[in-house]
Amino acid sequence: MSDLPELSPTLDRLRDHVVEHSVKTGEFVLKSGATSNWFLDAKQTACRGDGIIAIADALVEMFGDELADIDAIGGLTLGADPMAYGVAAVLATRGHDLRSFSVRKEPKPGGITGRIAGALQPGDRVLVTEDTTTRGTSLIEAVDQIIGYGAQPVFMSVIVDRGGTCAAMAKERNIDYRPLLTAPDLGFGYGT
């Protein structure tokens, strides 16, 4: 991995975990129908205890004191769930009290209706998460639902940005986007 970009020790530890557990090489057909020589299943990092701790450490490093400005963390289910719930739990042990939530793909037909599930409250300042993004559509779908609920998305972050197009979408919506890792950080090009 000596030809990879230099990262901080915290992000390097996360990258090592992602490369070991989440990256597969070969020939794959992606959801878009395109073919790729690598596949990323970032849940393999987000669903392991040491992986979620590495993610939480990376978020603390990336956002620093700005975490104090965040009330809740979440995004579109299923991609955001392990990251949102795991990070909220880890950070609670470190004095950061974040509520976590999911945005359902469909409204729940009964009981409390709507697409928001969990502890999001109107007026919350939100860190919108996803395990990985290629085009950013899941993040933006979550942003729209969060705004509709009365909360304010102020940051977006993913474990790995595979496509490199999400930053422009976030900027159009005046949301600060900070991926923890990018495809080039893993030794791959965007969109390949």
Protein backbone atom coordinates (compact mmCIF):
# COMPACT_ATOMS: atom_id res chain seq x y z
CA MET A 1 0.00 0.00 0.00
CA SER A 2 3.02 2.30 -0.33
CA ASP A 3 1.62 3.87 -3.52
CA LEU A 4 -1.54 5.08 -1.78
CA PRO A 5 -1.98 8.73 -0.77
CA GLU A 6 -0.65 9.64 2.65
CA LEU A 7 -3.36 9.97 5.29
CA SER A 8 -3.37 10.75 9.00
CA PRO A 9 -2.74 7.74 11.26
CA THR A 10 -6.46 7.70 12.17
CA LEU A 11 -7.64 7.65 8.55
CA ASP A 12 -4.90 5.19 7.64
CA ARG A 13 -6.22 2.78 10.29
CA LEU A 14 -9.72 3.13 8.82
CA ARG A 15 -8.36 2.61 5.29
CA ASP A 16 -6.51 -0.54 6.40
CA HIS A 17 -9.76 -1.91 7.85
CA VAL A 18 -11.73 -1.08 4.70
CA VAL A 19 -9.11 -2.65 2.43
CA GLU A 20 -8.95 -5.80 4.56
CA HIS A 21 -12.68 -6.33 5.10
CA SER A 22 -14.69 -4.28 2.58
CA VAL A 23 -12.83 -4.21 -0.76
CA LYS A 24 -13.04 -7.11 -3.18
CA THR A 25 -11.24 -7.21 -6.53
CA GLY A 26 -12.28 -9.09 -9.66
CA GLU A 27 -14.98 -8.36 -12.21
CA PHE A 28 -18.27 -7.06 -10.87
CA VAL A 29 -21.51 -5.70 -12.33
CA LEU A 30 -22.58 -2.68 -10.27
CA LYS A 31 -26.15 -1.61 -9.45
CA SER A 32 -25.91 0.89 -12.31
CA GLY A 33 -25.17 -1.95 -14.75
CA ALA A 34 -21.59 -0.81 -15.27
CA THR A 35 -18.71 -3.22 -14.75
CA SER A 36 -15.88 -2.61 -12.30
CA ASN A 37 -12.66 -4.33 -11.29
CA TRP A 38 -13.42 -3.69 -7.62
CA PHE A 39 -16.40 -3.90 -5.31
CA LEU A 40 -16.93 -2.12 -2.01
CA ASP A 41 -19.12 -3.51 0.76
CA ALA A 42 -18.41 -0.93 3.47
CA LYS A 43 -20.89 -2.63 5.81
CA GLN A 44 -18.12 -5.18 6.36
CA THR A 45 -16.30 -2.36 8.17
CA ALA A 46 -19.32 -0.61 9.72
CA CYS A 47 -20.72 -3.86 11.15
CA ARG A 48 -17.55 -4.86 13.03
CA GLY A 49 -16.73 -3.42 16.45
CA ASP A 50 -13.18 -2.42 15.54
CA GLY A 51 -14.45 -0.98 12.26
CA ILE A 52 -17.10 1.23 13.86
CA ILE A 53 -14.54 2.48 16.38
CA ALA A 54 -12.22 3.37 13.48
CA ILE A 55 -15.12 5.20 11.79
CA ALA A 56 -15.98 7.09 14.99
CA ASP A 57 -12.31 8.06 15.47
CA ALA A 58 -12.15 9.29 11.87
CA LEU A 59 -15.32 11.38 12.30
CA VAL A 60 -13.95 12.92 15.51
CA GLU A 61 -10.73 13.79 13.70
CA MET A 62 -12.53 15.15 10.64
CA PHE A 63 -15.17 17.21 12.44
CA GLY A 64 -13.39 18.04 15.71
CA ASP A 65 -15.19 20.68 17.76
CA GLU A 66 -17.93 20.92 15.10
CA LEU A 67 -19.39 17.69 16.51
CA ALA A 68 -20.70 19.80 19.37
CA ASP A 69 -22.94 21.54 16.79
CA ILE A 70 -24.58 18.26 15.74
CA ASP A 71 -27.68 16.87 17.45
CA ALA A 72 -28.36 13.75 15.37
CA ILE A 73 -26.75 11.34 12.91
CA GLY A 74 -28.50 9.18 10.33
CA GLY A 75 -29.53 8.66 6.75
CA LEU A 76 -31.29 6.36 4.33
CA THR A 77 -31.70 2.81 5.59
CA LEU A 78 -29.84 0.37 5.21
CA GLY A 79 -26.63 2.07 4.14
CA ALA A 80 -26.60 4.62 6.94
CA ASP A 81 -27.84 2.45 9.80
CA PRO A 82 -24.67 0.74 11.08
CA MET A 83 -22.67 3.95 10.82
CA ALA A 84 -25.32 6.15 12.47
CA TYR A 85 -26.19 3.81 15.33
CA GLY A 86 -22.63 2.61 15.92
CA VAL A 87 -21.07 6.06 15.86
CA ALA A 88 -23.74 7.46 18.20
CA ALA A 89 -23.03 4.65 20.69
CA VAL A 90 -19.23 5.01 20.51
CA LEU A 91 -19.35 8.80 20.80
CA ALA A 92 -21.75 8.60 23.77
CA THR A 93 -18.91 6.91 25.68
CA ARG A 94 -16.75 9.93 24.83
CA GLY A 95 -19.11 12.69 25.92
CA HIS A 96 -20.79 13.43 22.55
CA ASP A 97 -24.54 12.92 22.89
CA LEU A 98 -25.91 12.32 19.38
CA ARG A 99 -29.34 10.89 18.67
CA SER A 100 -29.49 8.41 15.78
CA PHE A 101 -32.19 7.71 13.23
CA SER A 102 -32.99 6.09 9.89
CA VAL A 103 -34.87 7.34 6.88
CA ARG A 104 -37.14 4.54 5.70
CA LYS A 105 -37.32 3.81 1.97
CA GLU A 106 -41.14 3.86 2.19
CA PRO A 107 -43.52 5.44 4.72
CA LYS A 108 -44.59 3.08 7.49
CA PRO A 109 -48.24 2.10 6.91
CA GLY A 110 -49.65 2.40 10.42
CA GLY A 111 -48.77 3.69 13.83
CA ILE A 112 -46.61 6.75 13.46
CA THR A 113 -46.47 7.38 9.76
CA GLY A 114 -43.67 8.85 7.76
CA ARG A 115 -40.20 7.87 6.74
CA ILE A 116 -38.21 8.94 9.80
CA ALA A 117 -37.54 6.21 12.37
CA GLY A 118 -35.52 6.79 15.51
CA ALA A 119 -34.68 9.76 17.69
CA LEU A 120 -34.54 12.64 15.17
CA GLN A 121 -36.34 15.74 16.41
CA PRO A 122 -37.55 18.81 14.50
CA GLY A 123 -34.92 21.53 14.67
CA ASP A 124 -32.02 19.07 15.01
CA ARG A 125 -28.77 19.87 13.24
CA VAL A 126 -27.87 16.67 11.40
CA LEU A 127 -24.86 14.78 10.14
CA VAL A 128 -26.26 12.76 7.22
CA THR A 129 -24.39 9.48 6.73
CA GLU A 130 -24.09 6.59 4.31
CA ASP A 131 -21.65 3.70 4.19
CA THR A 132 -20.60 4.41 0.61
CA THR A 133 -21.73 6.61 -2.24
CA THR A 134 -21.16 6.58 -5.95
CA ARG A 135 -23.65 9.17 -7.24
CA GLY A 136 -24.93 10.67 -3.97
CA THR A 137 -28.60 9.95 -4.64
CA SER A 138 -29.24 8.12 -1.34
CA LEU A 139 -27.69 10.97 0.64
CA ILE A 140 -29.79 13.56 -1.19
CA GLU A 141 -32.96 11.49 -0.75
CA ALA A 142 -32.23 11.39 2.99
CA VAL A 143 -31.53 15.14 3.03
CA ASP A 144 -34.94 15.83 1.44
CA GLN A 145 -36.73 13.71 4.05
CA ILE A 146 -34.79 15.28 6.93
CA ILE A 147 -35.67 18.77 5.73
CA GLY A 148 -39.31 17.73 5.28
CA TYR A 149 -39.30 16.52 8.88
CA GLY A 150 -38.15 19.93 10.09
CA ALA A 151 -34.51 19.16 10.85
CA GLN A 152 -31.46 20.77 9.26
CA PRO A 153 -28.79 18.74 7.43
CA VAL A 154 -25.52 20.61 7.98
CA PHE A 155 -22.94 17.91 7.22
CA MET A 156 -22.78 14.80 5.06
CA SER A 157 -20.17 12.06 5.39
CA VAL A 158 -19.59 8.56 4.05
CA ILE A 159 -17.05 5.89 4.85
CA VAL A 160 -15.99 5.81 1.17
CA ASP A 161 -16.86 8.11 -1.73
CA ARG A 162 -16.61 5.81 -4.74
CA GLY A 163 -17.83 8.23 -7.41
CA GLY A 164 -16.54 11.72 -6.67
CA THR A 165 -19.77 13.51 -7.64
CA CYS A 166 -21.43 13.97 -4.25
CA ALA A 167 -19.46 17.08 -3.26
CA ALA A 168 -21.08 19.14 -6.01
CA MET A 169 -24.57 17.97 -5.03
CA ALA A 170 -23.91 18.85 -1.39
CA LYS A 171 -22.56 22.27 -2.34
CA GLU A 172 -25.74 23.03 -4.32
CA ARG A 173 -27.69 22.42 -1.11
CA ASN A 174 -25.25 24.33 1.11
CA ILE A 175 -24.27 21.20 3.04
CA ASP A 176 -20.67 20.58 4.11
CA TYR A 177 -19.63 17.21 2.62
CA ARG A 178 -16.62 15.36 4.05
CA PRO A 179 -16.01 11.75 2.99
CA LEU A 180 -13.77 9.82 5.36
CA LEU A 181 -12.11 8.03 2.43
CA THR A 182 -12.30 8.25 -1.37
CA ALA A 183 -11.78 5.71 -4.15
CA PRO A 184 -8.31 7.23 -4.87
CA ASP A 185 -7.42 6.82 -1.16
CA LEU A 186 -7.99 3.08 -1.73
CA GLY A 187 -5.94 3.00 -4.93
CA PHE A 188 -8.83 3.13 -7.41
CA GLY A 189 -10.14 5.82 -9.75
CA TYR A 190 -13.54 7.41 -9.33
CA GLY A 191 -16.27 5.57 -11.15
CA THR A 192 -14.07 2.61 -12.11
